[in-house]
Amino acid sequence: MNISVSSSSLAVIEPTTAEAHHAHDDGSRTVLGFWIYLMGDCLIFACLFATFAVLAENVAGGPSGRELFDLPYVAVETVLLLVSSFTFGVAALNIQTGDPGRVIFWLAATALVGAAFIGMEVHEFGLLIGEGATPGRSAFLSGYFTLVGTHGLHVTAGLVWLAVMIHQVYRFGLDGVVRRRLACVSLFWHFLDLVWVCVFTFVYLRGAI
């Protein structure tokens, strides 16, 4: 028995790139799953802040935050992250007006500022380690590197996510799926900004003063 399949039939069976883009994206499940993840992240950071609060005074004869932290330097890091939150807000406004070109521009600006923040944080860690203030030096430094490092890893993941979304806006435009994903990454990015404000206040400012 000969079975023939026409090319037109194959075209119906095989999904196009755009169809594959939408195939596994159910709106309600995406939003619910993201909120569950975000609440889990809140718990993680709450535990890290609580741990740091317990360990903050345990310097084991080593340097304390007052000796190590450079507040003007950290203030610049904070300004960078707040600026990135502003640029993301401008991108969100352009999402509402349906201008993919401007959305891509402002997402790229957000990623650039976020990358500068990560670069400064890595430089700061390098200086501390060069001075002998390593995570193994004291419980205080162990808690510090864990908390700030975890935040830095989240920002790095956010940069990767931004790069993916820039590609998706360029490839698919601002359809419903892309808008929903952009809303999720926006919440994630602003959440990280809020966490950093807490880090700056309770770790750096409190430690230096």
C-alpha atoms as a PDB file:
ATOM      1  CA  MET A   1       0.000   0.000   0.000  1.00  0.00           C
ATOM      2  CA  ASN A   2       1.393   3.387  -0.976  1.00  0.00           C
ATOM      3  CA  ILE A   3       0.750   6.335   1.303  1.00  0.00           C
ATOM      4  CA  SER A   4       1.368   9.736  -0.150  1.00  0.00           C
ATOM      5  CA  VAL A   5       1.336  12.950   1.768  1.00  0.00           C
ATOM      6  CA  SER A   6       1.186  16.193  -0.104  1.00  0.00           C
ATOM      7  CA  SER A   7       3.347  19.155   0.782  1.00  0.00           C
ATOM      8  CA  SER A   8       0.210  21.142   1.564  1.00  0.00           C
ATOM      9  CA  SER A   9      -0.742  18.533   4.187  1.00  0.00           C
ATOM     10  CA  LEU A  10       2.693  18.790   5.765  1.00  0.00           C
ATOM     11  CA  ALA A  11       2.315  22.548   5.903  1.00  0.00           C
ATOM     12  CA  VAL A  12      -0.863  22.046   7.917  1.00  0.00           C
ATOM     13  CA  ILE A  13       0.695  19.475  10.237  1.00  0.00           C
ATOM     14  CA  GLU A  14       3.979  21.289  10.936  1.00  0.00           C
ATOM     15  CA  PRO A  15       3.488  24.429  13.052  1.00  0.00           C
ATOM     16  CA  THR A  16       4.992  27.668  11.867  1.00  0.00           C
ATOM     17  CA  THR A  17       7.475  29.514  14.031  1.00  0.00           C
ATOM     18  CA  ALA A  18       4.785  31.925  15.167  1.00  0.00           C
ATOM     19  CA  GLU A  19       2.449  29.034  16.063  1.00  0.00           C
ATOM     20  CA  ALA A  20       5.224  27.331  18.036  1.00  0.00           C
ATOM     21  CA  HIS A  21       5.800  30.638  19.819  1.00  0.00           C
ATOM     22  CA  HIS A  22       2.219  30.497  21.114  1.00  0.00           C
ATOM     23  CA  ALA A  23       1.783  26.727  21.384  1.00  0.00           C
ATOM     24  CA  HIS A  24       2.639  26.197  25.027  1.00  0.00           C
ATOM     25  CA  ASP A  25       1.829  29.622  26.435  1.00  0.00           C
ATOM     26  CA  ASP A  26      -1.409  29.606  28.408  1.00  0.00           C
ATOM     27  CA  GLY A  27      -1.982  33.017  29.946  1.00  0.00           C
ATOM     28  CA  SER A  28      -3.457  31.963  33.277  1.00  0.00           C
ATOM     29  CA  ARG A  29      -0.825  29.318  33.931  1.00  0.00           C
ATOM     30  CA  THR A  30       2.011  31.670  33.008  1.00  0.00           C
ATOM     31  CA  VAL A  31       0.858  34.397  35.386  1.00  0.00           C
ATOM     32  CA  LEU A  32       0.068  31.972  38.222  1.00  0.00           C
ATOM     33  CA  GLY A  33       3.390  30.178  37.834  1.00  0.00           C
ATOM     34  CA  PHE A  34       5.300  33.435  37.820  1.00  0.00           C
ATOM     35  CA  TRP A  35       3.611  34.710  40.983  1.00  0.00           C
ATOM     36  CA  ILE A  36       4.365  31.419  42.736  1.00  0.00           C
ATOM     37  CA  TYR A  37       8.004  31.789  41.702  1.00  0.00           C
ATOM     38  CA  LEU A  38       8.126  35.424  42.858  1.00  0.00           C
ATOM     39  CA  MET A  39       6.681  34.538  46.266  1.00  0.00           C
ATOM     40  CA  GLY A  40       9.299  31.809  46.557  1.00  0.00           C
ATOM     41  CA  ASP A  41      11.986  34.387  45.808  1.00  0.00           C
ATOM     42  CA  CYS A  42      10.554  36.632  48.525  1.00  0.00           C
ATOM     43  CA  LEU A  43      10.957  33.794  51.015  1.00  0.00           C
ATOM     44  CA  ILE A  44      14.536  33.167  49.889  1.00  0.00           C
ATOM     45  CA  PHE A  45      15.543  36.791  50.370  1.00  0.00           C
ATOM     46  CA  ALA A  46      13.645  37.030  53.668  1.00  0.00           C
ATOM     47  CA  CYS A  47      15.682  34.071  54.970  1.00  0.00           C
ATOM     48  CA  LEU A  48      18.928  35.623  53.720  1.00  0.00           C
ATOM     49  CA  PHE A  49      18.149  38.976  55.361  1.00  0.00           C
ATOM     50  CA  ALA A  50      17.247  37.238  58.628  1.00  0.00           C
ATOM     51  CA  THR A  51      20.466  35.209  58.504  1.00  0.00           C
ATOM     52  CA  PHE A  52      22.560  38.303  57.834  1.00  0.00           C
ATOM     53  CA  ALA A  53      20.882  40.132  60.728  1.00  0.00           C
ATOM     54  CA  VAL A  54      21.923  37.319  63.067  1.00  0.00           C
ATOM     55  CA  LEU A  55      25.499  37.163  61.742  1.00  0.00           C
ATOM     56  CA  ALA A  56      26.136  40.885  61.217  1.00  0.00           C
ATOM     57  CA  GLU A  57      28.065  41.367  64.476  1.00  0.00           C
ATOM     58  CA  ASN A  58      30.073  38.138  64.248  1.00  0.00           C
ATOM     59  CA  VAL A  59      33.245  39.484  62.649  1.00  0.00           C
ATOM     60  CA  ALA A  60      35.588  37.033  64.451  1.00  0.00           C
ATOM     61  CA  GLY A  61      38.189  39.740  64.936  1.00  0.00           C
ATOM     62  CA  GLY A  62      38.106  40.601  61.244  1.00  0.00           C
ATOM     63  CA  PRO A  63      36.994  43.783  59.488  1.00  0.00           C
ATOM     64  CA  SER A  64      33.472  45.063  59.953  1.00  0.00           C
ATOM     65  CA  GLY A  65      31.207  46.836  57.519  1.00  0.00           C
ATOM     66  CA  ARG A  66      32.381  50.197  58.822  1.00  0.00           C
ATOM     67  CA  GLU A  67      35.916  49.362  57.718  1.00  0.00           C
ATOM     68  CA  LEU A  68      35.017  47.705  54.416  1.00  0.00           C
ATOM     69  CA  PHE A  69      32.060  49.450  52.836  1.00  0.00           C
ATOM     70  CA  ASP A  70      32.534  52.405  50.501  1.00  0.00           C
ATOM     71  CA  LEU A  71      29.162  54.141  50.701  1.00  0.00           C
ATOM     72  CA  PRO A  72      29.683  56.568  47.761  1.00  0.00           C
ATOM     73  CA  TYR A  73      30.603  53.618  45.539  1.00  0.00           C
ATOM     74  CA  VAL A  74      27.553  51.626  46.648  1.00  0.00           C
ATOM     75  CA  ALA A  75      25.391  54.741  46.209  1.00  0.00           C
ATOM     76  CA  VAL A  76      26.429  54.822  42.533  1.00  0.00           C
ATOM     77  CA  GLU A  77      25.415  51.143  42.225  1.00  0.00           C
ATOM     78  CA  THR A  78      22.056  52.018  43.753  1.00  0.00           C
ATOM     79  CA  VAL A  79      21.527  54.932  41.366  1.00  0.00           C
ATOM     80  CA  LEU A  80      22.316  52.664  38.415  1.00  0.00           C
ATOM     81  CA  LEU A  81      19.715  50.119  39.465  1.00  0.00           C
ATOM     82  CA  LEU A  82      17.119  52.824  40.066  1.00  0.00           C
ATOM     83  CA  VAL A  83      17.864  54.300  36.633  1.00  0.00           C
ATOM     84  CA  SER A  84      17.349  50.839  35.132  1.00  0.00           C
ATOM     85  CA  SER A  85      13.956  50.731  36.812  1.00  0.00           C
ATOM     86  CA  PHE A  86      13.122  54.083  35.194  1.00  0.00           C
ATOM     87  CA  THR A  87      14.220  52.932  31.733  1.00  0.00           C
ATOM     88  CA  PHE A  88      12.118  49.795  32.111  1.00  0.00           C
ATOM     89  CA  GLY A  89       9.180  52.013  33.023  1.00  0.00           C
ATOM     90  CA  VAL A  90       9.683  53.981  29.798  1.00  0.00           C
ATOM     91  CA  ALA A  91       9.781  50.674  27.903  1.00  0.00           C
ATOM     92  CA  ALA A  92       6.473  49.732  29.543  1.00  0.00           C
ATOM     93  CA  LEU A  93       4.909  53.002  28.370  1.00  0.00           C
ATOM     94  CA  ASN A  94       5.991  52.224  24.817  1.00  0.00           C
ATOM     95  CA  ILE A  95       4.525  48.743  25.132  1.00  0.00           C
ATOM     96  CA  GLN A  96       1.173  50.401  25.785  1.00  0.00           C
ATOM     97  CA  THR A  97       1.530  52.609  22.706  1.00  0.00           C
ATOM     98  CA  GLY A  98       2.567  49.601  20.612  1.00  0.00           C
ATOM     99  CA  ASP A  99       5.950  50.849  19.405  1.00  0.00           C
ATOM    100  CA  PRO A 100       8.286  47.787  19.230  1.00  0.00           C
ATOM    101  CA  GLY A 101      11.280  49.837  18.081  1.00  0.00           C
ATOM    102  CA  ARG A 102      11.203  52.060  21.149  1.00  0.00           C
ATOM    103  CA  VAL A 103      10.498  49.082  23.393  1.00  0.00           C
ATOM    104  CA  ILE A 104      13.644  47.373  22.117  1.00  0.00           C
ATOM    105  CA  PHE A 105      15.665  50.578  22.611  1.00  0.00           C
ATOM    106  CA  TRP A 106      14.581  51.046  26.221  1.00  0.00           C
ATOM    107  CA  LEU A 107      14.950  47.361  27.069  1.00  0.00           C
ATOM    108  CA  ALA A 108      18.495  47.515  25.688  1.00  0.00           C
ATOM    109  CA  ALA A 109      19.141  50.657  27.781  1.00  0.00           C
ATOM    110  CA  THR A 110      17.859  48.801  30.853  1.00  0.00           C
ATOM    111  CA  ALA A 111      20.146  45.863  30.120  1.00  0.00           C
ATOM    112  CA  LEU A 112      23.132  48.176  29.621  1.00  0.00           C
ATOM    113  CA  VAL A 113      22.608  49.938  32.949  1.00  0.00           C
ATOM    114  CA  GLY A 114      21.990  46.597  34.679  1.00  0.00           C
ATOM    115  CA  ALA A 115      25.227  45.228  33.219  1.00  0.00           C
ATOM    116  CA  ALA A 116      27.083  48.278  34.568  1.00  0.00           C
ATOM    117  CA  PHE A 117      25.633  47.528  38.012  1.00  0.00           C
ATOM    118  CA  ILE A 118      26.858  43.925  37.839  1.00  0.00           C
ATOM    119  CA  GLY A 119      30.283  45.105  36.674  1.00  0.00           C
ATOM    120  CA  MET A 120      30.572  47.417  39.696  1.00  0.00           C
ATOM    121  CA  GLU A 121      29.435  44.678  42.055  1.00  0.00           C
ATOM    122  CA  VAL A 122      31.987  42.192  40.699  1.00  0.00           C
ATOM    123  CA  HIS A 123      34.674  44.885  41.034  1.00  0.00           C
ATOM    124  CA  GLU A 124      33.610  45.510  44.637  1.00  0.00           C
ATOM    125  CA  PHE A 125      33.780  41.798  45.454  1.00  0.00           C
ATOM    126  CA  GLY A 126      37.230  41.623  43.860  1.00  0.00           C
ATOM    127  CA  LEU A 127      38.496  44.498  46.025  1.00  0.00           C
ATOM    128  CA  LEU A 128      37.131  42.926  49.210  1.00  0.00           C
ATOM    129  CA  ILE A 129      38.640  39.538  48.435  1.00  0.00           C
ATOM    130  CA  GLY A 130      41.944  41.228  47.544  1.00  0.00           C
ATOM    131  CA  GLU A 131      41.956  42.783  51.020  1.00  0.00           C
ATOM    132  CA  GLY A 132      41.469  39.364  52.607  1.00  0.00           C
ATOM    133  CA  ALA A 133      37.765  39.941  53.351  1.00  0.00           C
ATOM    134  CA  THR A 134      36.659  36.595  51.934  1.00  0.00           C
ATOM    135  CA  PRO A 135      33.446  34.700  52.758  1.00  0.00           C
ATOM    136  CA  GLY A 136      35.445  32.339  54.967  1.00  0.00           C
ATOM    137  CA  ARG A 137      36.957  35.167  57.025  1.00  0.00           C
ATOM    138  CA  SER A 138      33.953  35.596  59.330  1.00  0.00           C
ATOM    139  CA  ALA A 139      30.269  34.808  59.699  1.00  0.00           C
ATOM    140  CA  PHE A 140      29.512  38.452  58.868  1.00  0.00           C
ATOM    141  CA  LEU A 141      31.318  38.238  55.531  1.00  0.00           C
ATOM    142  CA  SER A 142      29.785  34.858  54.787  1.00  0.00           C
ATOM    143  CA  GLY A 143      26.294  36.316  55.255  1.00  0.00           C
ATOM    144  CA  TYR A 144      27.212  39.423  53.273  1.00  0.00           C
ATOM    145  CA  PHE A 145      28.576  37.596  50.232  1.00  0.00           C
ATOM    146  CA  THR A 146      25.657  35.161  50.227  1.00  0.00           C
ATOM    147  CA  LEU A 147      22.981  37.859  50.364  1.00  0.00           C
ATOM    148  CA  VAL A 148      24.543  40.351  47.953  1.00  0.00           C
ATOM    149  CA  GLY A 149      25.814  37.590  45.669  1.00  0.00           C
ATOM    150  CA  THR A 150      22.361  36.008  45.433  1.00  0.00           C
ATOM    151  CA  HIS A 151      20.915  39.353  44.421  1.00  0.00           C
ATOM    152  CA  GLY A 152      23.666  39.752  41.822  1.00  0.00           C
ATOM    153  CA  LEU A 153      22.900  36.323  40.362  1.00  0.00           C
ATOM    154  CA  HIS A 154      19.245  37.323  40.069  1.00  0.00           C
ATOM    155  CA  VAL A 155      20.169  40.529  38.238  1.00  0.00           C
ATOM    156  CA  THR A 156      22.377  38.499  35.896  1.00  0.00           C
ATOM    157  CA  ALA A 157      19.455  36.158  35.197  1.00  0.00           C
ATOM    158  CA  GLY A 158      17.316  39.241  34.571  1.00  0.00           C
ATOM    159  CA  LEU A 159      19.837  40.463  31.985  1.00  0.00           C
ATOM    160  CA  VAL A 160      19.602  37.147  30.154  1.00  0.00           C
ATOM    161  CA  TRP A 161      15.815  37.380  30.295  1.00  0.00           C
ATOM    162  CA  LEU A 162      15.933  40.916  28.897  1.00  0.00           C
ATOM    163  CA  ALA A 163      18.088  39.721  25.987  1.00  0.00           C
ATOM    164  CA  VAL A 164      15.548  36.984  25.238  1.00  0.00           C
ATOM    165  CA  MET A 165      12.678  39.460  25.327  1.00  0.00           C
ATOM    166  CA  ILE A 166      14.498  41.910  23.030  1.00  0.00           C
ATOM    167  CA  HIS A 167      14.809  39.074  20.525  1.00  0.00           C
ATOM    168  CA  GLN A 168      11.145  38.129  20.915  1.00  0.00           C
ATOM    169  CA  VAL A 169       9.928  41.706  20.429  1.00  0.00           C
ATOM    170  CA  TYR A 170      12.103  41.962  17.320  1.00  0.00           C
ATOM    171  CA  ARG A 171      10.913  38.589  15.984  1.00  0.00           C
ATOM    172  CA  PHE A 172       7.220  38.542  16.950  1.00  0.00           C
ATOM    173  CA  GLY A 173       6.308  42.149  17.711  1.00  0.00           C
ATOM    174  CA  LEU A 174       4.099  43.134  20.628  1.00  0.00           C
ATOM    175  CA  ASP A 175       1.461  40.411  20.473  1.00  0.00           C
ATOM    176  CA  GLY A 176      -0.416  39.188  23.534  1.00  0.00           C
ATOM    177  CA  VAL A 177       2.124  36.509  24.451  1.00  0.00           C
ATOM    178  CA  VAL A 178       5.092  38.872  24.263  1.00  0.00           C
ATOM    179  CA  ARG A 179       3.259  41.535  26.269  1.00  0.00           C
ATOM    180  CA  ARG A 180       2.476  38.982  28.993  1.00  0.00           C
ATOM    181  CA  ARG A 181       6.099  37.876  29.156  1.00  0.00           C
ATOM    182  CA  LEU A 182       7.282  41.475  29.277  1.00  0.00           C
ATOM    183  CA  ALA A 183       4.905  42.103  32.187  1.00  0.00           C
ATOM    184  CA  CYS A 184       6.495  39.178  34.053  1.00  0.00           C
ATOM    185  CA  VAL A 185      10.076  40.346  33.496  1.00  0.00           C
ATOM    186  CA  SER A 186       9.030  43.864  34.483  1.00  0.00           C
ATOM    187  CA  LEU A 187       7.720  42.631  37.838  1.00  0.00           C
ATOM    188  CA  PHE A 188      10.898  40.599  38.327  1.00  0.00           C
ATOM    189  CA  TRP A 189      13.148  43.578  37.583  1.00  0.00           C
ATOM    190  CA  HIS A 190      11.282  45.979  39.857  1.00  0.00           C
ATOM    191  CA  PHE A 191      11.278  43.312  42.570  1.00  0.00           C
ATOM    192  CA  LEU A 192      15.087  43.154  42.351  1.00  0.00           C
ATOM    193  CA  ASP A 193      15.261  46.953  42.640  1.00  0.00           C
ATOM    194  CA  LEU A 194      13.187  46.787  45.812  1.00  0.00           C
ATOM    195  CA  VAL A 195      15.413  44.054  47.237  1.00  0.00           C
ATOM    196  CA  TRP A 196      18.496  46.157  46.487  1.00  0.00           C
ATOM    197  CA  VAL A 197      17.044  49.166  48.312  1.00  0.00           C
ATOM    198  CA  CYS A 198      16.683  46.874  51.335  1.00  0.00           C
ATOM    199  CA  VAL A 199      20.262  45.623  50.855  1.00  0.00           C
ATOM    200  CA  PHE A 200      21.591  49.175  50.652  1.00  0.00           C
ATOM    201  CA  THR A 201      19.667  50.221  53.757  1.00  0.00           C
ATOM    202  CA  PHE A 202      20.130  47.227  56.058  1.00  0.00           C
ATOM    203  CA  VAL A 203      23.531  45.945  54.892  1.00  0.00           C
ATOM    204  CA  TYR A 204      25.594  48.847  53.633  1.00  0.00           C
ATOM    205  CA  LEU A 205      24.092  51.914  55.332  1.00  0.00           C
ATOM    206  CA  ARG A 206      23.523  50.207  58.663  1.00  0.00           C
ATOM    207  CA  GLY A 207      26.917  48.492  58.511  1.00  0.00           C
ATOM    208  CA  ALA A 208      28.858  51.636  57.651  1.00  0.00           C
ATOM    209  CA  ILE A 209      27.154  53.810  60.256  1.00  0.00           C
END
